[in-house]
PDB file of N, CA and C in Angstrom:
ATOM      1  N   MET A   1       0.854  -1.168   0.000  1.00  0.00           N
ATOM      2  CA  MET A   1       0.000   0.000   0.000  1.00  0.00           C
ATOM      3  C   MET A   1       0.902   1.233   0.000  1.00  0.00           C
ATOM      4  N   SER A   2       0.615   2.196  -0.816  1.00  0.00           N
ATOM      5  CA  SER A   2       1.443   3.383  -0.928  1.00  0.00           C
ATOM      6  C   SER A   2       0.851   4.526  -0.121  1.00  0.00           C
ATOM      7  N   ALA A   3       1.716   5.330   0.451  1.00  0.00           N
ATOM      8  CA  ALA A   3       1.266   6.483   1.232  1.00  0.00           C
ATOM      9  C   ALA A   3       2.030   7.702   0.750  1.00  0.00           C
ATOM     10  N   GLU A   4       1.687   8.209  -0.401  1.00  0.00           N
ATOM     11  CA  GLU A   4       2.387   9.336  -0.966  1.00  0.00           C
ATOM     12  C   GLU A   4       1.860  10.626  -0.363  1.00  0.00           C
ATOM     13  N   HIS A   5       2.752  11.488   0.007  1.00  0.00           N
ATOM     14  CA  HIS A   5       2.391  12.770   0.613  1.00  0.00           C
ATOM     15  C   HIS A   5       2.842  13.887  -0.302  1.00  0.00           C
ATOM     16  N   ALA A   6       2.646  15.092   0.129  1.00  0.00           N
ATOM     17  CA  ALA A   6       2.978  16.261  -0.683  1.00  0.00           C
ATOM     18  C   ALA A   6       4.431  16.250  -1.125  1.00  0.00           C
ATOM     19  N   SER A   7       5.303  15.639  -0.335  1.00  0.00           N
ATOM     20  CA  SER A   7       6.713  15.594  -0.706  1.00  0.00           C
ATOM     21  C   SER A   7       6.971  14.628  -1.841  1.00  0.00           C
ATOM     22  N   GLY A   8       6.009  13.732  -2.125  1.00  0.00           N
ATOM     23  CA  GLY A   8       6.185  12.756  -3.176  1.00  0.00           C
ATOM     24  C   GLY A   8       6.915  11.519  -2.718  1.00  0.00           C
ATOM     25  N   ALA A   9       7.381  11.489  -1.487  1.00  0.00           N
ATOM     26  CA  ALA A   9       8.112  10.336  -0.972  1.00  0.00           C
ATOM     27  C   ALA A   9       7.145   9.258  -0.521  1.00  0.00           C
ATOM     28  N   ASP A  10       7.582   8.012  -0.599  1.00  0.00           N
ATOM     29  CA  ASP A  10       6.772   6.891  -0.129  1.00  0.00           C
ATOM     30  C   ASP A  10       7.169   6.632   1.310  1.00  0.00           C
ATOM     31  N   HIS A  11       6.223   6.776   2.244  1.00  0.00           N
ATOM     32  CA  HIS A  11       6.516   6.666   3.662  1.00  0.00           C
ATOM     33  C   HIS A  11       6.030   5.369   4.267  1.00  0.00           C
ATOM     34  N   THR A  12       5.623   4.392   3.466  1.00  0.00           N
ATOM     35  CA  THR A  12       5.088   3.153   4.005  1.00  0.00           C
ATOM     36  C   THR A  12       6.169   2.322   4.656  1.00  0.00           C
ATOM     37  N   GLN A  13       5.778   1.495   5.563  1.00  0.00           N
ATOM     38  CA  GLN A  13       6.635   0.555   6.262  1.00  0.00           C
ATOM     39  C   GLN A  13       7.849   1.207   6.899  1.00  0.00           C
ATOM     40  N   GLY A  14       7.673   2.402   7.410  1.00  0.00           N
ATOM     41  CA  GLY A  14       8.670   2.993   8.267  1.00  0.00           C
ATOM     42  C   GLY A  14       9.806   3.730   7.632  1.00  0.00           C
ATOM     43  N   GLY A  15       9.804   4.030   6.365  1.00  0.00           N
ATOM     44  CA  GLY A  15      10.911   4.801   5.852  1.00  0.00           C
ATOM     45  C   GLY A  15      10.860   5.058   4.374  1.00  0.00           C
ATOM     46  N   GLU A  16      11.894   5.732   3.909  1.00  0.00           N
ATOM     47  CA  GLU A  16      12.010   6.050   2.505  1.00  0.00           C
ATOM     48  C   GLU A  16      12.615   4.865   1.783  1.00  0.00           C
ATOM     49  N   ARG A  17      12.297   4.715   0.507  1.00  0.00           N
ATOM     50  CA  ARG A  17      12.717   3.549  -0.249  1.00  0.00           C
ATOM     51  C   ARG A  17      14.057   3.715  -0.945  1.00  0.00           C
ATOM     52  N   ASP A  18      14.488   4.934  -1.262  1.00  0.00           N
ATOM     53  CA  ASP A  18      15.714   5.049  -2.033  1.00  0.00           C
ATOM     54  C   ASP A  18      16.936   4.719  -1.194  1.00  0.00           C
ATOM     55  N   GLY A  19      17.911   4.093  -1.814  1.00  0.00           N
ATOM     56  CA  GLY A  19      19.111   3.642  -1.117  1.00  0.00           C
ATOM     57  C   GLY A  19      19.986   4.767  -0.609  1.00  0.00           C
ATOM     58  N   ALA A  20      19.814   5.976  -1.129  1.00  0.00           N
ATOM     59  CA  ALA A  20      20.636   7.097  -0.699  1.00  0.00           C
ATOM     60  C   ALA A  20      20.397   7.451   0.758  1.00  0.00           C
ATOM     61  N   ASP A  21      19.287   6.999   1.317  1.00  0.00           N
ATOM     62  CA  ASP A  21      18.935   7.332   2.692  1.00  0.00           C
ATOM     63  C   ASP A  21      19.650   6.433   3.702  1.00  0.00           C
ATOM     64  N   VAL A  22      20.184   5.312   3.268  1.00  0.00           N
ATOM     65  CA  VAL A  22      20.804   4.354   4.185  1.00  0.00           C
ATOM     66  C   VAL A  22      22.228   4.799   4.506  1.00  0.00           C
ATOM     67  N   PRO A  23      22.560   4.941   5.786  1.00  0.00           N
ATOM     68  CA  PRO A  23      23.888   5.420   6.163  1.00  0.00           C
ATOM     69  C   PRO A  23      24.950   4.348   5.946  1.00  0.00           C
ATOM     70  N   GLN A  24      26.204   4.768   5.842  1.00  0.00           N
ATOM     71  CA  GLN A  24      27.323   3.841   5.696  1.00  0.00           C
ATOM     72  C   GLN A  24      27.689   3.198   7.025  1.00  0.00           C
ATOM     73  N   ARG A  25      27.380   3.832   8.137  1.00  0.00           N
ATOM     74  CA  ARG A  25      27.654   3.278   9.460  1.00  0.00           C
ATOM     75  C   ARG A  25      26.390   2.619   9.988  1.00  0.00           C
ATOM     76  N   SER A  26      26.503   1.909  11.074  1.00  0.00           N
ATOM     77  CA  SER A  26      25.323   1.260  11.627  1.00  0.00           C
ATOM     78  C   SER A  26      24.389   2.301  12.231  1.00  0.00           C
ATOM     79  N   LEU A  27      23.082   1.983  12.207  1.00  0.00           N
ATOM     80  CA  LEU A  27      22.095   2.870  12.821  1.00  0.00           C
ATOM     81  C   LEU A  27      22.235   2.806  14.325  1.00  0.00           C
ATOM     82  N   ASN A  28      21.751   3.828  15.015  1.00  0.00           N
ATOM     83  CA  ASN A  28      21.815   3.905  16.477  1.00  0.00           C
ATOM     84  C   ASN A  28      23.247   3.840  16.979  1.00  0.00           C
ATOM     85  N   SER A  29      24.158   4.454  16.244  1.00  0.00           N
ATOM     86  CA  SER A  29      25.575   4.379  16.586  1.00  0.00           C
ATOM     87  C   SER A  29      25.965   5.302  17.728  1.00  0.00           C
ATOM     88  N   GLY A  30      25.074   6.217  18.086  1.00  0.00           N
ATOM     89  CA  GLY A  30      25.394   7.158  19.146  1.00  0.00           C
ATOM     90  C   GLY A  30      26.173   8.362  18.637  1.00  0.00           C
ATOM     91  N   SER A  31      26.328   8.480  17.323  1.00  0.00           N
ATOM     92  CA  SER A  31      27.042   9.638  16.790  1.00  0.00           C
ATOM     93  C   SER A  31      26.180  10.879  16.951  1.00  0.00           C
ATOM     94  N   ALA A  32      26.747  12.014  16.659  1.00  0.00           N
ATOM     95  CA  ALA A  32      26.069  13.283  16.884  1.00  0.00           C
ATOM     96  C   ALA A  32      25.209  13.714  15.693  1.00  0.00           C
ATOM     97  N   THR A  33      24.747  12.777  14.874  1.00  0.00           N
ATOM     98  CA  THR A  33      23.888  13.132  13.752  1.00  0.00           C
ATOM     99  C   THR A  33      22.597  13.732  14.285  1.00  0.00           C
ATOM    100  N   PRO A  34      22.230  14.943  13.853  1.00  0.00           N
ATOM    101  CA  PRO A  34      21.008  15.579  14.360  1.00  0.00           C
ATOM    102  C   PRO A  34      19.760  14.766  14.015  1.00  0.00           C
ATOM    103  N   VAL A  35      18.791  14.822  14.894  1.00  0.00           N
ATOM    104  CA  VAL A  35      17.511  14.157  14.676  1.00  0.00           C
ATOM    105  C   VAL A  35      16.476  15.227  14.387  1.00  0.00           C
ATOM    106  N   SER A  36      15.626  14.977  13.390  1.00  0.00           N
ATOM    107  CA  SER A  36      14.529  15.898  13.107  1.00  0.00           C
ATOM    108  C   SER A  36      13.229  15.114  13.024  1.00  0.00           C
ATOM    109  N   VAL A  37      12.151  15.766  13.420  1.00  0.00           N
ATOM    110  CA  VAL A  37      10.814  15.181  13.352  1.00  0.00           C
ATOM    111  C   VAL A  37       9.945  16.149  12.562  1.00  0.00           C
ATOM    112  N   VAL A  38       9.330  15.636  11.491  1.00  0.00           N
ATOM    113  CA  VAL A  38       8.463  16.444  10.640  1.00  0.00           C
ATOM    114  C   VAL A  38       7.072  15.833  10.669  1.00  0.00           C
ATOM    115  N   ALA A  39       6.082  16.638  11.024  1.00  0.00           N
ATOM    116  CA  ALA A  39       4.695  16.184  11.019  1.00  0.00           C
ATOM    117  C   ALA A  39       4.108  16.440   9.637  1.00  0.00           C
ATOM    118  N   CYS A  40       3.799  15.360   8.926  1.00  0.00           N
ATOM    119  CA  CYS A  40       3.175  15.491   7.610  1.00  0.00           C
ATOM    120  C   CYS A  40       1.694  15.794   7.791  1.00  0.00           C
ATOM    121  N   ALA A  41       1.201  16.760   7.028  1.00  0.00           N
ATOM    122  CA  ALA A  41      -0.221  17.102   7.106  1.00  0.00           C
ATOM    123  C   ALA A  41      -1.051  15.864   6.794  1.00  0.00           C
ATOM    124  N   ASN A  42      -1.974  15.529   7.678  1.00  0.00           N
ATOM    125  CA  ASN A  42      -2.883  14.396   7.511  1.00  0.00           C
ATOM    126  C   ASN A  42      -2.151  13.072   7.327  1.00  0.00           C
ATOM    127  N   GLY A  43      -0.951  12.972   7.884  1.00  0.00           N
ATOM    128  CA  GLY A  43      -0.158  11.764   7.721  1.00  0.00           C
ATOM    129  C   GLY A  43       0.758  11.508   8.896  1.00  0.00           C
ATOM    130  N   PRO A  44       1.840  10.777   8.641  1.00  0.00           N
ATOM    131  CA  PRO A  44       2.718  10.333   9.715  1.00  0.00           C
ATOM    132  C   PRO A  44       3.695  11.398  10.202  1.00  0.00           C
ATOM    133  N   LEU A  45       4.441  11.018  11.233  1.00  0.00           N
ATOM    134  CA  LEU A  45       5.593  11.792  11.676  1.00  0.00           C
ATOM    135  C   LEU A  45       6.808  11.174  11.007  1.00  0.00           C
ATOM    136  N   LEU A  46       7.595  11.986  10.324  1.00  0.00           N
ATOM    137  CA  LEU A  46       8.834  11.507   9.724  1.00  0.00           C
ATOM    138  C   LEU A  46       9.968  11.827  10.681  1.00  0.00           C
ATOM    139  N   VAL A  47      10.685  10.807  11.110  1.00  0.00           N
ATOM    140  CA  VAL A  47      11.795  10.976  12.036  1.00  0.00           C
ATOM    141  C   VAL A  47      13.063  10.642  11.275  1.00  0.00           C
ATOM    142  N   ARG A  48      13.994  11.607  11.219  1.00  0.00           N
ATOM    143  CA  ARG A  48      15.237  11.438  10.475  1.00  0.00           C
ATOM    144  C   ARG A  48      16.427  11.606  11.403  1.00  0.00           C
ATOM    145  N   GLY A  49      17.467  10.839  11.144  1.00  0.00           N
ATOM    146  CA  GLY A  49      18.698  10.986  11.904  1.00  0.00           C
ATOM    147  C   GLY A  49      19.087   9.720  12.623  1.00  0.00           C
ATOM    148  N   ASP A  50      19.969   9.871  13.583  1.00  0.00           N
ATOM    149  CA  ASP A  50      20.508   8.748  14.344  1.00  0.00           C
ATOM    150  C   ASP A  50      19.791   8.693  15.690  1.00  0.00           C
ATOM    151  N   PHE A  51      18.849   7.790  15.831  1.00  0.00           N
ATOM    152  CA  PHE A  51      18.053   7.705  17.045  1.00  0.00           C
ATOM    153  C   PHE A  51      17.735   6.252  17.345  1.00  0.00           C
ATOM    154  N   GLU A  52      17.301   6.012  18.560  1.00  0.00           N
ATOM    155  CA  GLU A  52      16.883   4.685  18.988  1.00  0.00           C
ATOM    156  C   GLU A  52      15.370   4.693  19.128  1.00  0.00           C
ATOM    157  N   LEU A  53      14.713   3.712  18.528  1.00  0.00           N
ATOM    158  CA  LEU A  53      13.265   3.571  18.609  1.00  0.00           C
ATOM    159  C   LEU A  53      12.975   2.383  19.524  1.00  0.00           C
ATOM    160  N   VAL A  54      12.262   2.643  20.635  1.00  0.00           N
ATOM    161  CA  VAL A  54      12.038   1.627  21.664  1.00  0.00           C
ATOM    162  C   VAL A  54      10.551   1.340  21.792  1.00  0.00           C
ATOM    163  N   GLY A  55      10.191   0.063  21.861  1.00  0.00           N
ATOM    164  CA  GLY A  55       8.801  -0.354  22.012  1.00  0.00           C
ATOM    165  C   GLY A  55       8.342  -0.284  23.452  1.00  0.00           C
ATOM    166  N   THR A  56       7.077  -0.610  23.681  1.00  0.00           N
ATOM    167  CA  THR A  56       6.503  -0.549  25.024  1.00  0.00           C
ATOM    168  C   THR A  56       7.143  -1.545  25.979  1.00  0.00           C
ATOM    169  N   ASP A  57       7.781  -2.581  25.432  1.00  0.00           N
ATOM    170  CA  ASP A  57       8.450  -3.573  26.270  1.00  0.00           C
ATOM    171  C   ASP A  57       9.879  -3.178  26.617  1.00  0.00           C
ATOM    172  N   GLY A  58      10.308  -2.003  26.140  1.00  0.00           N
ATOM    173  CA  GLY A  58      11.657  -1.526  26.425  1.00  0.00           C
ATOM    174  C   GLY A  58      12.713  -2.026  25.460  1.00  0.00           C
ATOM    175  N   GLN A  59      12.327  -2.864  24.508  1.00  0.00           N
ATOM    176  CA  GLN A  59      13.269  -3.404  23.530  1.00  0.00           C
ATOM    177  C   GLN A  59      13.359  -2.481  22.315  1.00  0.00           C
ATOM    178  N   GLU A  60      14.557  -2.388  21.765  1.00  0.00           N
ATOM    179  CA  GLU A  60      14.750  -1.572  20.578  1.00  0.00           C
ATOM    180  C   GLU A  60      13.992  -2.191  19.404  1.00  0.00           C
ATOM    181  N   LEU A  61      13.267  -1.347  18.654  1.00  0.00           N
ATOM    182  CA  LEU A  61      12.530  -1.806  17.489  1.00  0.00           C
ATOM    183  C   LEU A  61      13.451  -1.814  16.274  1.00  0.00           C
ATOM    184  N   PRO A  62      13.301  -2.805  15.412  1.00  0.00           N
ATOM    185  CA  PRO A  62      14.190  -2.884  14.247  1.00  0.00           C
ATOM    186  C   PRO A  62      13.881  -1.794  13.232  1.00  0.00           C
ATOM    187  N   ARG A  63      14.909  -1.312  12.601  1.00  0.00           N
ATOM    188  CA  ARG A  63      14.753  -0.385  11.487  1.00  0.00           C
ATOM    189  C   ARG A  63      15.982  -0.495  10.618  1.00  0.00           C
ATOM    190  N   THR A  64      15.787  -0.336   9.332  1.00  0.00           N
ATOM    191  CA  THR A  64      16.885  -0.454   8.381  1.00  0.00           C
ATOM    192  C   THR A  64      17.157   0.847   7.659  1.00  0.00           C
ATOM    193  N   ARG A  65      16.385   1.866   7.970  1.00  0.00           N
ATOM    194  CA  ARG A  65      16.531   3.159   7.295  1.00  0.00           C
ATOM    195  C   ARG A  65      16.775   4.258   8.307  1.00  0.00           C
ATOM    196  N   ARG A  66      17.457   5.278   7.873  1.00  0.00           N
ATOM    197  CA  ARG A  66      17.702   6.417   8.747  1.00  0.00           C
ATOM    198  C   ARG A  66      16.442   7.242   8.950  1.00  0.00           C
ATOM    199  N   THR A  67      15.519   7.216   7.990  1.00  0.00           N
ATOM    200  CA  THR A  67      14.246   7.921   8.108  1.00  0.00           C
ATOM    201  C   THR A  67      13.132   6.911   8.288  1.00  0.00           C
ATOM    202  N   VAL A  68      12.290   7.124   9.305  1.00  0.00           N
ATOM    203  CA  VAL A  68      11.137   6.255   9.508  1.00  0.00           C
ATOM    204  C   VAL A  68       9.877   7.112   9.591  1.00  0.00           C
ATOM    205  N   ALA A  69       8.758   6.511   9.186  1.00  0.00           N
ATOM    206  CA  ALA A  69       7.462   7.177   9.267  1.00  0.00           C
ATOM    207  C   ALA A  69       6.673   6.510  10.375  1.00  0.00           C
ATOM    208  N   LEU A  70       6.341   7.274  11.394  1.00  0.00           N
ATOM    209  CA  LEU A  70       5.579   6.760  12.524  1.00  0.00           C
ATOM    210  C   LEU A  70       4.123   7.188  12.375  1.00  0.00           C
ATOM    211  N   GLY A  71       3.220   6.228  12.414  1.00  0.00           N
ATOM    212  CA  GLY A  71       1.800   6.501  12.220  1.00  0.00           C
ATOM    213  C   GLY A  71       1.200   7.287  13.367  1.00  0.00           C
ATOM    214  N   ARG A  72       0.228   8.128  13.023  1.00  0.00           N
ATOM    215  CA  ARG A  72      -0.498   8.911  14.028  1.00  0.00           C
ATOM    216  C   ARG A  72      -1.985   8.597  14.035  1.00  0.00           C
ATOM    217  N   CYS A  73      -2.469   7.869  13.027  1.00  0.00           N
ATOM    218  CA  CYS A  73      -3.921   7.685  12.894  1.00  0.00           C
ATOM    219  C   CYS A  73      -4.455   6.537  13.748  1.00  0.00           C
ATOM    220  N   GLY A  74      -3.589   5.631  14.174  1.00  0.00           N
ATOM    221  CA  GLY A  74      -4.014   4.499  14.986  1.00  0.00           C
ATOM    222  C   GLY A  74      -4.488   3.297  14.205  1.00  0.00           C
ATOM    223  N   ALA A  75      -4.546   3.375  12.880  1.00  0.00           N
ATOM    224  CA  ALA A  75      -5.087   2.286  12.064  1.00  0.00           C
ATOM    225  C   ALA A  75      -4.029   1.390  11.425  1.00  0.00           C
ATOM    226  N   SER A  76      -2.770   1.735  11.538  1.00  0.00           N
ATOM    227  CA  SER A  76      -1.712   0.955  10.896  1.00  0.00           C
ATOM    228  C   SER A  76      -1.623  -0.458  11.465  1.00  0.00           C
ATOM    229  N   VAL A  77      -1.411  -1.429  10.590  1.00  0.00           N
ATOM    230  CA  VAL A  77      -1.179  -2.806  11.053  1.00  0.00           C
ATOM    231  C   VAL A  77       0.305  -3.033  11.325  1.00  0.00           C
ATOM    232  N   LEU A  78       1.129  -2.033  11.041  1.00  0.00           N
ATOM    233  CA  LEU A  78       2.576  -2.122  11.257  1.00  0.00           C
ATOM    234  C   LEU A  78       3.030  -1.239  12.414  1.00  0.00           C
ATOM    235  N   LYS A  79       2.152  -0.963  13.362  1.00  0.00           N
ATOM    236  CA  LYS A  79       2.468  -0.043  14.462  1.00  0.00           C
ATOM    237  C   LYS A  79       3.831  -0.356  15.060  1.00  0.00           C
ATOM    238  N   PRO A  80       4.614   0.655  15.348  1.00  0.00           N
ATOM    239  CA  PRO A  80       4.304   2.085  15.303  1.00  0.00           C
ATOM    240  C   PRO A  80       4.519   2.715  13.930  1.00  0.00           C
ATOM    241  N   TYR A  81       4.936   1.904  12.944  1.00  0.00           N
ATOM    242  CA  TYR A  81       5.226   2.442  11.625  1.00  0.00           C
ATOM    243  C   TYR A  81       3.950   2.732  10.835  1.00  0.00           C
ATOM    244  N   CYS A  82       4.031   3.703   9.952  1.00  0.00           N
ATOM    245  CA  CYS A  82       2.919   4.064   9.076  1.00  0.00           C
ATOM    246  C   CYS A  82       2.833   3.052   7.934  1.00  0.00           C
ATOM    247  N   ASP A  83       1.611   2.618   7.618  1.00  0.00           N
ATOM    248  CA  ASP A  83       1.415   1.740   6.462  1.00  0.00           C
ATOM    249  C   ASP A  83       0.492   2.369   5.424  1.00  0.00           C
ATOM    250  N   GLY A  84       0.170   3.636   5.584  1.00  0.00           N
ATOM    251  CA  GLY A  84      -0.685   4.335   4.639  1.00  0.00           C
ATOM    252  C   GLY A  84      -2.159   4.294   4.987  1.00  0.00           C
ATOM    253  N   SER A  85      -2.528   3.644   6.082  1.00  0.00           N
ATOM    254  CA  SER A  85      -3.936   3.525   6.468  1.00  0.00           C
ATOM    255  C   SER A  85      -4.613   4.868   6.684  1.00  0.00           C
ATOM    256  N   HIS A  86      -3.845   5.898   7.027  1.00  0.00           N
ATOM    257  CA  HIS A  86      -4.432   7.215   7.266  1.00  0.00           C
ATOM    258  C   HIS A  86      -5.224   7.705   6.058  1.00  0.00           C
ATOM    259  N   LYS A  87      -4.777   7.360   4.866  1.00  0.00           N
ATOM    260  CA  LYS A  87      -5.506   7.781   3.663  1.00  0.00           C
ATOM    261  C   LYS A  87      -6.819   7.046   3.530  1.00  0.00           C
ATOM    262  N   LEU A  88      -6.835   5.769   3.883  1.00  0.00           N
ATOM    263  CA  LEU A  88      -8.051   4.971   3.758  1.00  0.00           C
ATOM    264  C   LEU A  88      -9.141   5.395   4.742  1.00  0.00           C
ATOM    265  N   ILE A  89      -8.721   5.833   5.933  1.00  0.00           N
ATOM    266  CA  ILE A  89      -9.713   6.185   6.953  1.00  0.00           C
ATOM    267  C   ILE A  89     -10.025   7.683   6.990  1.00  0.00           C
ATOM    268  N   GLY A  90      -9.345   8.457   6.141  1.00  0.00           N
ATOM    269  CA  GLY A  90      -9.609   9.892   6.100  1.00  0.00           C
ATOM    270  C   GLY A  90      -9.066  10.657   7.276  1.00  0.00           C
ATOM    271  N   PHE A  91      -7.943  10.194   7.841  1.00  0.00           N
ATOM    272  CA  PHE A  91      -7.325  10.856   8.992  1.00  0.00           C
ATOM    273  C   PHE A  91      -6.947  12.290   8.638  1.00  0.00           C
ATOM    274  N   THR A  92      -7.257  13.212   9.520  1.00  0.00           N
ATOM    275  CA  THR A  92      -6.858  14.605   9.332  1.00  0.00           C
ATOM    276  C   THR A  92      -6.199  15.124  10.606  1.00  0.00           C
ATOM    277  N   THR A  93      -5.318  16.076  10.409  1.00  0.00           N
ATOM    278  CA  THR A  93      -4.632  16.688  11.544  1.00  0.00           C
ATOM    279  C   THR A  93      -5.234  18.048  11.878  1.00  0.00           C
ATOM    280  N   ASP A  94      -6.284  18.427  11.177  1.00  0.00           N
ATOM    281  CA  ASP A  94      -6.950  19.691  11.479  1.00  0.00           C
ATOM    282  C   ASP A  94      -7.652  19.599  12.818  1.00  0.00           C
ATOM    283  N   PRO A  95      -7.620  20.714  13.589  1.00  0.00           N
ATOM    284  CA  PRO A  95      -8.294  20.707  14.899  1.00  0.00           C
ATOM    285  C   PRO A  95      -9.801  20.598  14.792  1.00  0.00           C
TER     286      PRO A  95
END
């Protein structure tokens, strides 16, 4: 399922698809790479940089990309990652 946003990037399954996004070093290396969080209108939160993603059990969640899309609509079957369900359910970020 595709979740294309205004940026034109595919944010499904937790990240961007192009290989240019994958770092040469291991993820979660503890380096000083800045982390940014971008809230996509009516869509996921895009988290970029070197960070650790931890589940409710305290265990680190797997990721293979430096950028991940975290769902906000609650309908994703890949929680916490976005799977594009926000488009199907008409999720909006308007107040």
